[in-house]
PDB file of N, CA and C in Angstrom:
ATOM      1  N   MET A   1      94.389  66.607 106.654  1.00  0.00           N
ATOM      2  CA  MET A   1      93.547  67.069 105.582  1.00  0.00           C
ATOM      3  C   MET A   1      94.242  68.214 104.858  1.00  0.00           C
ATOM      4  N   LYS A   2      94.268  68.164 103.556  1.00  0.00           N
ATOM      5  CA  LYS A   2      94.947  69.160 102.733  1.00  0.00           C
ATOM      6  C   LYS A   2      94.077  70.410 102.586  1.00  0.00           C
ATOM      7  N   LYS A   3      94.711  71.590 102.798  1.00  0.00           N
ATOM      8  CA  LYS A   3      93.998  72.857 102.652  1.00  0.00           C
ATOM      9  C   LYS A   3      93.912  73.230 101.181  1.00  0.00           C
ATOM     10  N   PRO A   4      92.806  73.854 100.766  1.00  0.00           N
ATOM     11  CA  PRO A   4      92.715  74.312  99.379  1.00  0.00           C
ATOM     12  C   PRO A   4      93.698  75.457  99.154  1.00  0.00           C
ATOM     13  N   PRO A   5      94.191  75.619  97.927  1.00  0.00           N
ATOM     14  CA  PRO A   5      95.133  76.705  97.657  1.00  0.00           C
ATOM     15  C   PRO A   5      94.471  78.062  97.877  1.00  0.00           C
ATOM     16  N   VAL A   6      95.276  79.019  98.350  1.00  0.00           N
ATOM     17  CA  VAL A   6      94.787  80.374  98.560  1.00  0.00           C
ATOM     18  C   VAL A   6      94.735  81.081  97.210  1.00  0.00           C
ATOM     19  N   THR A   7      93.599  81.689  96.929  1.00  0.00           N
ATOM     20  CA  THR A   7      93.464  82.470  95.705  1.00  0.00           C
ATOM     21  C   THR A   7      94.035  83.853  95.977  1.00  0.00           C
ATOM     22  N   GLU A   8      94.964  84.285  95.137  1.00  0.00           N
ATOM     23  CA  GLU A   8      95.585  85.590  95.326  1.00  0.00           C
ATOM     24  C   GLU A   8      94.952  86.599  94.388  1.00  0.00           C
ATOM     25  N   SER A   9      94.609  87.737  94.951  1.00  0.00           N
ATOM     26  CA  SER A   9      94.032  88.814  94.166  1.00  0.00           C
ATOM     27  C   SER A   9      95.076  89.368  93.209  1.00  0.00           C
ATOM     28  N   PRO A  10      94.641  89.819  92.036  1.00  0.00           N
ATOM     29  CA  PRO A  10      95.599  90.481  91.142  1.00  0.00           C
ATOM     30  C   PRO A  10      96.091  91.778  91.783  1.00  0.00           C
ATOM     31  N   ILE A  11      97.288  92.165  91.424  1.00  0.00           N
ATOM     32  CA  ILE A  11      97.862  93.393  91.976  1.00  0.00           C
ATOM     33  C   ILE A  11      97.391  94.561  91.113  1.00  0.00           C
ATOM     34  N   ALA A  12      96.211  95.028  91.451  1.00  0.00           N
ATOM     35  CA  ALA A  12      95.598  96.162  90.758  1.00  0.00           C
ATOM     36  C   ALA A  12      94.554  96.755  91.687  1.00  0.00           C
ATOM     37  N   CYS A  13      94.596  98.071  91.867  1.00  0.00           N
ATOM     38  CA  CYS A  13      93.615  98.729  92.720  1.00  0.00           C
ATOM     39  C   CYS A  13      92.255  98.743  92.033  1.00  0.00           C
ATOM     40  N   ASP A  14      91.228  98.440  92.773  1.00  0.00           N
ATOM     41  CA  ASP A  14      89.854  98.471  92.268  1.00  0.00           C
ATOM     42  C   ASP A  14      89.109  99.573  93.014  1.00  0.00           C
ATOM     43  N   PHE A  15      89.259 100.813  92.527  1.00  0.00           N
ATOM     44  CA  PHE A  15      88.633 101.941  93.205  1.00  0.00           C
ATOM     45  C   PHE A  15      87.118 101.919  93.108  1.00  0.00           C
ATOM     46  N   SER A  16      86.575 101.068  92.245  1.00  0.00           N
ATOM     47  CA  SER A  16      85.117 100.941  92.192  1.00  0.00           C
ATOM     48  C   SER A  16      84.580 100.250  93.450  1.00  0.00           C
ATOM     49  N   ALA A  17      85.467  99.655  94.243  1.00  0.00           N
ATOM     50  CA  ALA A  17      85.062  99.025  95.509  1.00  0.00           C
ATOM     51  C   ALA A  17      84.751 100.076  96.576  1.00  0.00           C
ATOM     52  N   LEU A  18      85.098 101.333  96.297  1.00  0.00           N
ATOM     53  CA  LEU A  18      84.847 102.434  97.229  1.00  0.00           C
ATOM     54  C   LEU A  18      83.814 103.385  96.639  1.00  0.00           C
ATOM     55  N   THR A  19      83.040 103.997  97.504  1.00  0.00           N
ATOM     56  CA  THR A  19      82.142 105.053  97.044  1.00  0.00           C
ATOM     57  C   THR A  19      82.978 106.289  96.729  1.00  0.00           C
ATOM     58  N   ALA A  20      82.387 107.249  96.045  1.00  0.00           N
ATOM     59  CA  ALA A  20      83.096 108.493  95.735  1.00  0.00           C
ATOM     60  C   ALA A  20      83.537 109.185  97.018  1.00  0.00           C
ATOM     61  N   GLU A  21      82.701 109.159  98.030  1.00  0.00           N
ATOM     62  CA  GLU A  21      83.042 109.773  99.311  1.00  0.00           C
ATOM     63  C   GLU A  21      84.208 109.038  99.973  1.00  0.00           C
ATOM     64  N   GLN A  22      84.190 107.720  99.931  1.00  0.00           N
ATOM     65  CA  GLN A  22      85.276 106.929 100.501  1.00  0.00           C
ATOM     66  C   GLN A  22      86.590 107.177  99.756  1.00  0.00           C
ATOM     67  N   ARG A  23      86.536 107.265  98.426  1.00  0.00           N
ATOM     68  CA  ARG A  23      87.749 107.535  97.641  1.00  0.00           C
ATOM     69  C   ARG A  23      88.348 108.882  98.024  1.00  0.00           C
ATOM     70  N   ALA A  24      87.499 109.897  98.145  1.00  0.00           N
ATOM     71  CA  ALA A  24      87.979 111.232  98.503  1.00  0.00           C
ATOM     72  C   ALA A  24      88.580 111.227  99.909  1.00  0.00           C
ATOM     73  N   HIS A  25      87.925 110.548 100.831  1.00  0.00           N
ATOM     74  CA  HIS A  25      88.422 110.483 102.210  1.00  0.00           C
ATOM     75  C   HIS A  25      89.735 109.708 102.280  1.00  0.00           C
ATOM     76  N   ARG A  26      89.852 108.634 101.509  1.00  0.00           N
ATOM     77  CA  ARG A  26      91.079 107.846 101.448  1.00  0.00           C
ATOM     78  C   ARG A  26      92.241 108.715 100.964  1.00  0.00           C
ATOM     79  N   GLN A  27      91.993 109.548  99.969  1.00  0.00           N
ATOM     80  CA  GLN A  27      93.033 110.449  99.447  1.00  0.00           C
ATOM     81  C   GLN A  27      93.500 111.425 100.518  1.00  0.00           C
ATOM     82  N   ILE A  28      92.560 111.975 101.278  1.00  0.00           N
ATOM     83  CA  ILE A  28      92.903 112.901 102.359  1.00  0.00           C
ATOM     84  C   ILE A  28      93.765 112.193 103.400  1.00  0.00           C
ATOM     85  N   LEU A  29      93.353 110.983 103.796  1.00  0.00           N
ATOM     86  CA  LEU A  29      94.121 110.211 104.773  1.00  0.00           C
ATOM     87  C   LEU A  29      95.515 109.894 104.259  1.00  0.00           C
ATOM     88  N   ALA A  30      95.632 109.514 102.983  1.00  0.00           N
ATOM     89  CA  ALA A  30      96.936 109.186 102.391  1.00  0.00           C
ATOM     90  C   ALA A  30      97.861 110.408 102.412  1.00  0.00           C
ATOM     91  N   ARG A  31      97.327 111.578 102.087  1.00  0.00           N
ATOM     92  CA  ARG A  31      98.137 112.802 102.124  1.00  0.00           C
ATOM     93  C   ARG A  31      98.590 113.116 103.547  1.00  0.00           C
ATOM     94  N   GLN A  32      97.689 112.955 104.511  1.00  0.00           N
ATOM     95  CA  GLN A  32      98.041 113.201 105.912  1.00  0.00           C
ATOM     96  C   GLN A  32      99.157 112.252 106.349  1.00  0.00           C
ATOM     97  N   MET A  33      99.033 110.989 105.995  1.00  0.00           N
ATOM     98  CA  MET A  33     100.049 110.001 106.361  1.00  0.00           C
ATOM     99  C   MET A  33     101.393 110.334 105.732  1.00  0.00           C
ATOM    100  N   HIS A  34     101.366 110.661 104.459  1.00  0.00           N
ATOM    101  CA  HIS A  34     102.602 110.996 103.745  1.00  0.00           C
ATOM    102  C   HIS A  34     103.318 112.170 104.414  1.00  0.00           C
ATOM    103  N   ALA A  35     102.551 113.153 104.841  1.00  0.00           N
ATOM    104  CA  ALA A  35     103.123 114.366 105.431  1.00  0.00           C
ATOM    105  C   ALA A  35     103.820 114.103 106.765  1.00  0.00           C
ATOM    106  N   VAL A  36     103.414 113.057 107.486  1.00  0.00           N
ATOM    107  CA  VAL A  36     103.979 112.814 108.813  1.00  0.00           C
ATOM    108  C   VAL A  36     104.822 111.538 108.897  1.00  0.00           C
ATOM    109  N   THR A  37     105.123 110.935 107.747  1.00  0.00           N
ATOM    110  CA  THR A  37     105.974 109.742 107.743  1.00  0.00           C
ATOM    111  C   THR A  37     107.387 110.138 108.155  1.00  0.00           C
ATOM    112  N   LYS A  38     107.923 109.441 109.150  1.00  0.00           N
ATOM    113  CA  LYS A  38     109.257 109.742 109.671  1.00  0.00           C
ATOM    114  C   LYS A  38     110.358 108.954 108.968  1.00  0.00           C
ATOM    115  N   GLU A  39     109.997 107.756 108.484  1.00  0.00           N
ATOM    116  CA  GLU A  39     110.992 106.868 107.879  1.00  0.00           C
ATOM    117  C   GLU A  39     110.268 105.834 107.017  1.00  0.00           C
ATOM    118  N   VAL A  40     110.945 105.406 105.955  1.00  0.00           N
ATOM    119  CA  VAL A  40     110.444 104.310 105.120  1.00  0.00           C
ATOM    120  C   VAL A  40     111.551 103.264 105.055  1.00  0.00           C
ATOM    121  N   ARG A  41     111.187 102.023 105.377  1.00  0.00           N
ATOM    122  CA  ARG A  41     112.154 100.918 105.314  1.00  0.00           C
ATOM    123  C   ARG A  41     111.693  99.897 104.285  1.00  0.00           C
ATOM    124  N   GLU A  42     112.630  99.487 103.473  1.00  0.00           N
ATOM    125  CA  GLU A  42     112.352  98.440 102.493  1.00  0.00           C
ATOM    126  C   GLU A  42     112.353  97.081 103.204  1.00  0.00           C
ATOM    127  N   LEU A  43     111.373  96.265 102.901  1.00  0.00           N
ATOM    128  CA  LEU A  43     111.266  94.913 103.431  1.00  0.00           C
ATOM    129  C   LEU A  43     111.377  93.926 102.279  1.00  0.00           C
ATOM    130  N   PRO A  44     111.621  92.659 102.544  1.00  0.00           N
ATOM    131  CA  PRO A  44     111.720  91.686 101.453  1.00  0.00           C
ATOM    132  C   PRO A  44     110.458  91.612 100.587  1.00  0.00           C
ATOM    133  N   ASP A  45     109.284  91.857 101.204  1.00  0.00           N
ATOM    134  CA  ASP A  45     108.027  91.724 100.466  1.00  0.00           C
ATOM    135  C   ASP A  45     107.162  92.974 100.524  1.00  0.00           C
ATOM    136  N   GLY A  46     107.777  94.139 100.788  1.00  0.00           N
ATOM    137  CA  GLY A  46     107.015  95.385 100.835  1.00  0.00           C
ATOM    138  C   GLY A  46     107.800  96.496 101.500  1.00  0.00           C
ATOM    139  N   TYR A  47     107.086  97.335 102.247  1.00  0.00           N
ATOM    140  CA  TYR A  47     107.703  98.484 102.909  1.00  0.00           C
ATOM    141  C   TYR A  47     107.099  98.692 104.285  1.00  0.00           C
ATOM    142  N   ALA A  48     107.894  99.307 105.181  1.00  0.00           N
ATOM    143  CA  ALA A  48     107.440  99.691 106.510  1.00  0.00           C
ATOM    144  C   ALA A  48     107.569 101.203 106.630  1.00  0.00           C
ATOM    145  N   PHE A  49     106.559 101.818 107.205  1.00  0.00           N
ATOM    146  CA  PHE A  49     106.507 103.263 107.366  1.00  0.00           C
ATOM    147  C   PHE A  49     106.441 103.578 108.856  1.00  0.00           C
ATOM    148  N   ARG A  50     107.373 104.430 109.316  1.00  0.00           N
ATOM    149  CA  ARG A  50     107.438 104.777 110.739  1.00  0.00           C
ATOM    150  C   ARG A  50     106.771 106.124 110.969  1.00  0.00           C
ATOM    151  N   PHE A  51     106.006 106.172 112.057  1.00  0.00           N
ATOM    152  CA  PHE A  51     105.308 107.385 112.465  1.00  0.00           C
ATOM    153  C   PHE A  51     105.522 107.589 113.959  1.00  0.00           C
ATOM    154  N   SER A  52     105.268 108.802 114.439  1.00  0.00           N
ATOM    155  CA  SER A  52     105.246 109.004 115.884  1.00  0.00           C
ATOM    156  C   SER A  52     103.984 108.328 116.417  1.00  0.00           C
ATOM    157  N   ALA A  53     104.021 107.909 117.667  1.00  0.00           N
ATOM    158  CA  ALA A  53     102.935 107.104 118.238  1.00  0.00           C
ATOM    159  C   ALA A  53     101.842 107.968 118.857  1.00  0.00           C
ATOM    160  N   GLU A  54     101.340 108.915 118.118  1.00  0.00           N
ATOM    161  CA  GLU A  54     100.249 109.764 118.599  1.00  0.00           C
ATOM    162  C   GLU A  54      98.929 109.013 118.461  1.00  0.00           C
ATOM    163  N   PRO A  55      98.065 109.060 119.477  1.00  0.00           N
ATOM    164  CA  PRO A  55      96.795 108.326 119.413  1.00  0.00           C
ATOM    165  C   PRO A  55      95.948 108.676 118.182  1.00  0.00           C
ATOM    166  N   GLU A  56      95.892 109.957 117.820  1.00  0.00           N
ATOM    167  CA  GLU A  56      95.091 110.369 116.668  1.00  0.00           C
ATOM    168  C   GLU A  56      95.634 109.757 115.379  1.00  0.00           C
ATOM    169  N   LEU A  57      96.954 109.671 115.287  1.00  0.00           N
ATOM    170  CA  LEU A  57      97.574 109.107 114.089  1.00  0.00           C
ATOM    171  C   LEU A  57      97.304 107.611 113.992  1.00  0.00           C
ATOM    172  N   CYS A  58      97.294 106.938 115.106  1.00  0.00           N
ATOM    173  CA  CYS A  58      96.963 105.510 115.119  1.00  0.00           C
ATOM    174  C   CYS A  58      95.558 105.297 114.557  1.00  0.00           C
ATOM    175  N   LEU A  59      94.631 106.141 114.956  1.00  0.00           N
ATOM    176  CA  LEU A  59      93.259 106.052 114.442  1.00  0.00           C
ATOM    177  C   LEU A  59      93.198 106.378 112.948  1.00  0.00           C
ATOM    178  N   THR A  60      93.974 107.362 112.517  1.00  0.00           N
ATOM    179  CA  THR A  60      94.030 107.721 111.096  1.00  0.00           C
ATOM    180  C   THR A  60      94.538 106.543 110.272  1.00  0.00           C
ATOM    181  N   LEU A  61      95.608 105.898 110.738  1.00  0.00           N
ATOM    182  CA  LEU A  61      96.158 104.754 110.018  1.00  0.00           C
ATOM    183  C   LEU A  61      95.159 103.596 109.978  1.00  0.00           C
ATOM    184  N   ALA A  62      94.475 103.351 111.076  1.00  0.00           N
ATOM    185  CA  ALA A  62      93.474 102.279 111.099  1.00  0.00           C
ATOM    186  C   ALA A  62      92.338 102.582 110.122  1.00  0.00           C
ATOM    187  N   GLU A  63      91.936 103.830 110.047  1.00  0.00           N
ATOM    188  CA  GLU A  63      90.884 104.223 109.108  1.00  0.00           C
ATOM    189  C   GLU A  63      91.358 104.052 107.666  1.00  0.00           C
ATOM    190  N   PHE A  64      92.612 104.450 107.395  1.00  0.00           N
ATOM    191  CA  PHE A  64      93.182 104.275 106.054  1.00  0.00           C
ATOM    192  C   PHE A  64      93.190 102.794 105.669  1.00  0.00           C
ATOM    193  N   ILE A  65      93.643 101.944 106.577  1.00  0.00           N
ATOM    194  CA  ILE A  65      93.699 100.501 106.318  1.00  0.00           C
ATOM    195  C   ILE A  65      92.308  99.966 105.993  1.00  0.00           C
ATOM    196  N   THR A  66      91.313 100.406 106.754  1.00  0.00           N
ATOM    197  CA  THR A  66      89.938  99.949 106.551  1.00  0.00           C
ATOM    198  C   THR A  66      89.462 100.252 105.134  1.00  0.00           C
ATOM    199  N   LEU A  67      89.800 101.420 104.612  1.00  0.00           N
ATOM    200  CA  LEU A  67      89.401 101.786 103.250  1.00  0.00           C
ATOM    201  C   LEU A  67      90.295 101.122 102.202  1.00  0.00           C
ATOM    202  N   GLU A  68      91.590 101.132 102.446  1.00  0.00           N
ATOM    203  CA  GLU A  68      92.555 100.620 101.467  1.00  0.00           C
ATOM    204  C   GLU A  68      92.352  99.135 101.188  1.00  0.00           C
ATOM    205  N   ARG A  69      91.984  98.379 102.202  1.00  0.00           N
ATOM    206  CA  ARG A  69      91.826  96.932 101.995  1.00  0.00           C
ATOM    207  C   ARG A  69      90.619  96.609 101.120  1.00  0.00           C
ATOM    208  N   LEU A  70      89.680  97.559 100.989  1.00  0.00           N
ATOM    209  CA  LEU A  70      88.541  97.345 100.098  1.00  0.00           C
ATOM    210  C   LEU A  70      88.967  97.383  98.635  1.00  0.00           C
ATOM    211  N   CYS A  71      89.837  98.336  98.292  1.00  0.00           N
ATOM    212  CA  CYS A  71      90.244  98.482  96.893  1.00  0.00           C
ATOM    213  C   CYS A  71      91.534  97.728  96.568  1.00  0.00           C
ATOM    214  N   CYS A  72      92.290  97.374  97.577  1.00  0.00           N
ATOM    215  CA  CYS A  72      93.572  96.688  97.369  1.00  0.00           C
ATOM    216  C   CYS A  72      93.673  95.461  98.281  1.00  0.00           C
ATOM    217  N   PRO A  73      92.895  94.413  97.999  1.00  0.00           N
ATOM    218  CA  PRO A  73      92.874  93.243  98.882  1.00  0.00           C
ATOM    219  C   PRO A  73      94.155  92.416  98.850  1.00  0.00           C
ATOM    220  N   PHE A  74      95.078  92.759  97.974  1.00  0.00           N
ATOM    221  CA  PHE A  74      96.331  92.015  97.843  1.00  0.00           C
ATOM    222  C   PHE A  74      97.371  92.424  98.878  1.00  0.00           C
ATOM    223  N   PHE A  75      97.109  93.491  99.636  1.00  0.00           N
ATOM    224  CA  PHE A  75      98.040  93.928 100.679  1.00  0.00           C
ATOM    225  C   PHE A  75      97.801  93.175 101.979  1.00  0.00           C
ATOM    226  N   THR A  76      98.893  92.941 102.705  1.00  0.00           N
ATOM    227  CA  THR A  76      98.825  92.560 104.107  1.00  0.00           C
ATOM    228  C   THR A  76      99.189  93.820 104.878  1.00  0.00           C
ATOM    229  N   PHE A  77      98.358  94.202 105.827  1.00  0.00           N
ATOM    230  CA  PHE A  77      98.581  95.395 106.632  1.00  0.00           C
ATOM    231  C   PHE A  77      98.958  94.972 108.045  1.00  0.00           C
ATOM    232  N   ILE A  78     100.031  95.537 108.556  1.00  0.00           N
ATOM    233  CA  ILE A  78     100.429  95.289 109.935  1.00  0.00           C
ATOM    234  C   ILE A  78     100.652  96.647 110.586  1.00  0.00           C
ATOM    235  N   LEU A  79      99.866  96.924 111.611  1.00  0.00           N
ATOM    236  CA  LEU A  79      99.995  98.157 112.372  1.00  0.00           C
ATOM    237  C   LEU A  79     100.593  97.781 113.725  1.00  0.00           C
ATOM    238  N   GLU A  80     101.737  98.351 114.042  1.00  0.00           N
ATOM    239  CA  GLU A  80     102.468  97.961 115.251  1.00  0.00           C
ATOM    240  C   GLU A  80     102.868  99.189 116.065  1.00  0.00           C
ATOM    241  N   LEU A  81     102.550  99.140 117.339  1.00  0.00           N
ATOM    242  CA  LEU A  81     103.013 100.149 118.284  1.00  0.00           C
ATOM    243  C   LEU A  81     104.101  99.508 119.137  1.00  0.00           C
ATOM    244  N   GLU A  82     105.296 100.086 119.103  1.00  0.00           N
ATOM    245  CA  GLU A  82     106.392  99.529 119.878  1.00  0.00           C
ATOM    246  C   GLU A  82     106.227  99.869 121.361  1.00  0.00           C
ATOM    247  N   ARG A  83     106.785  99.021 122.194  1.00  0.00           N
ATOM    248  CA  ARG A  83     106.698  99.207 123.650  1.00  0.00           C
ATOM    249  C   ARG A  83     107.478 100.441 124.096  1.00  0.00           C
ATOM    250  N   GLU A  84     107.242 100.799 125.349  1.00  0.00           N
ATOM    251  CA  GLU A  84     107.970 101.889 126.006  1.00  0.00           C
ATOM    252  C   GLU A  84     107.881 103.214 125.258  1.00  0.00           C
ATOM    253  N   GLY A  85     106.730 103.492 124.673  1.00  0.00           N
ATOM    254  CA  GLY A  85     106.542 104.770 123.973  1.00  0.00           C
ATOM    255  C   GLY A  85     107.244 104.853 122.633  1.00  0.00           C
ATOM    256  N   GLY A  86     107.617 103.685 122.091  1.00  0.00           N
ATOM    257  CA  GLY A  86     108.303 103.658 120.797  1.00  0.00           C
ATOM    258  C   GLY A  86     107.379 104.067 119.663  1.00  0.00           C
ATOM    259  N   PRO A  87     107.898 104.024 118.456  1.00  0.00           N
ATOM    260  CA  PRO A  87     107.137 104.507 117.306  1.00  0.00           C
ATOM    261  C   PRO A  87     106.004 103.575 116.874  1.00  0.00           C
ATOM    262  N   LEU A  88     105.225 104.098 115.991  1.00  0.00           N
ATOM    263  CA  LEU A  88     104.125 103.395 115.342  1.00  0.00           C
ATOM    264  C   LEU A  88     104.593 103.027 113.938  1.00  0.00           C
ATOM    265  N   TRP A  89     104.392 101.777 113.551  1.00  0.00           N
ATOM    266  CA  TRP A  89     104.803 101.305 112.228  1.00  0.00           C
ATOM    267  C   TRP A  89     103.593 100.801 111.453  1.00  0.00           C
ATOM    268  N   LEU A  90     103.558 101.107 110.172  1.00  0.00           N
ATOM    269  CA  LEU A  90     102.602 100.502 109.252  1.00  0.00           C
ATOM    270  C   LEU A  90     103.411  99.729 108.228  1.00  0.00           C
ATOM    271  N   ARG A  91     103.167  98.413 108.155  1.00  0.00           N
ATOM    272  CA  ARG A  91     103.844  97.582 107.166  1.00  0.00           C
ATOM    273  C   ARG A  91     102.842  97.194 106.090  1.00  0.00           C
ATOM    274  N   LEU A  92     103.228  97.441 104.846  1.00  0.00           N
ATOM    275  CA  LEU A  92     102.438  97.024 103.682  1.00  0.00           C
ATOM    276  C   LEU A  92     103.248  95.951 102.974  1.00  0.00           C
ATOM    277  N   THR A  93     102.730  94.754 102.959  1.00  0.00           N
ATOM    278  CA  THR A  93     103.425  93.633 102.339  1.00  0.00           C
ATOM    279  C   THR A  93     102.419  92.807 101.556  1.00  0.00           C
ATOM    280  N   GLY A  94     102.911  91.745 100.918  1.00  0.00           N
ATOM    281  CA  GLY A  94     102.019  90.862 100.175  1.00  0.00           C
ATOM    282  C   GLY A  94     102.789  89.851  99.361  1.00  0.00           C
ATOM    283  N   HIS A  95     102.051  89.219  98.462  1.00  0.00           N
ATOM    284  CA  HIS A  95     102.661  88.176  97.639  1.00  0.00           C
ATOM    285  C   HIS A  95     103.567  88.786  96.566  1.00  0.00           C
ATOM    286  N   GLU A  96     104.180  87.935  95.795  1.00  0.00           N
ATOM    287  CA  GLU A  96     105.138  88.376  94.774  1.00  0.00           C
ATOM    288  C   GLU A  96     104.529  89.448  93.874  1.00  0.00           C
ATOM    289  N   GLY A  97     105.274  90.528  93.703  1.00  0.00           N
ATOM    290  CA  GLY A  97     104.842  91.633  92.859  1.00  0.00           C
ATOM    291  C   GLY A  97     104.335  92.835  93.649  1.00  0.00           C
ATOM    292  N   VAL A  98     103.960  92.636  94.900  1.00  0.00           N
ATOM    293  CA  VAL A  98     103.446  93.742  95.712  1.00  0.00           C
ATOM    294  C   VAL A  98     104.530  94.790  95.963  1.00  0.00           C
ATOM    295  N   LYS A  99     105.733  94.335  96.241  1.00  0.00           N
ATOM    296  CA  LYS A  99     106.820  95.285  96.498  1.00  0.00           C
ATOM    297  C   LYS A  99     107.076  96.158  95.270  1.00  0.00           C
ATOM    298  N   GLN A 100     107.087  95.562  94.088  1.00  0.00           N
ATOM    299  CA  GLN A 100     107.302  96.321  92.856  1.00  0.00           C
ATOM    300  C   GLN A 100     106.145  97.303  92.613  1.00  0.00           C
ATOM    301  N   PHE A 101     104.944  96.894  92.946  1.00  0.00           N
ATOM    302  CA  PHE A 101     103.778  97.766  92.841  1.00  0.00           C
ATOM    303  C   PHE A 101     103.969  98.990  93.747  1.00  0.00           C
ATOM    304  N   LEU A 102     104.376  98.753  94.978  1.00  0.00           N
ATOM    305  CA  LEU A 102     104.593  99.845  95.920  1.00  0.00           C
ATOM    306  C   LEU A 102     105.714 100.758  95.450  1.00  0.00           C
ATOM    307  N   GLN A 103     106.773 100.180  94.887  1.00  0.00           N
ATOM    308  CA  GLN A 103     107.873 101.000  94.368  1.00  0.00           C
ATOM    309  C   GLN A 103     107.358 101.951  93.290  1.00  0.00           C
ATOM    310  N   ALA A 104     106.515 101.445  92.406  1.00  0.00           N
ATOM    311  CA  ALA A 104     105.957 102.293  91.342  1.00  0.00           C
ATOM    312  C   ALA A 104     105.040 103.365  91.928  1.00  0.00           C
ATOM    313  N   GLU A 105     104.219 102.995  92.903  1.00  0.00           N
ATOM    314  CA  GLU A 105     103.283 103.942  93.507  1.00  0.00           C
ATOM    315  C   GLU A 105     104.009 105.002  94.328  1.00  0.00           C
ATOM    316  N   LEU A 106     105.078 104.610  95.011  1.00  0.00           N
ATOM    317  CA  LEU A 106     105.812 105.524  95.877  1.00  0.00           C
ATOM    318  C   LEU A 106     106.906 106.282  95.148  1.00  0.00           C
ATOM    319  N   GLY A 107     107.218 105.847  93.934  1.00  0.00           N
ATOM    320  CA  GLY A 107     108.275 106.491  93.166  1.00  0.00           C
ATOM    321  C   GLY A 107     109.666 106.155  93.672  1.00  0.00           C
ATOM    322  N   THR A 108     109.823 104.965  94.266  1.00  0.00           N
ATOM    323  CA  THR A 108     111.142 104.548  94.738  1.00  0.00           C
ATOM    324  C   THR A 108     111.763 103.608  93.720  1.00  0.00           C
ATOM    325  N   LYS A 109     113.055 103.563  93.713  1.00  0.00           N
ATOM    326  CA  LYS A 109     113.847 102.691  92.838  1.00  0.00           C
ATOM    327  C   LYS A 109     113.378 102.814  91.447  1.00  0.00           C
TER     328      LYS A 109
END
């Protein structure tokens, strides 16, 4: 049986999907994440951000993802904790155009 085509969201943030309180909290979380990012790696379809594997930071990233996916449904979020006490990674990827969107938002390239 043939699957129906996946509808892809436009690459545009819809901040109206968040309440004013959620938008403000998302901004605080984004600033906290930016301040503790250890490394940024370019991926074929987005970027990976490395953090230390602190339990509180893992919760912060999960909370950020929960809010971000409401206004930016075009992202794929992957939160990964490496074995043996390795780092915590957040990967933001998506369909064609997402990487360029992230480059503009992050001020890279």
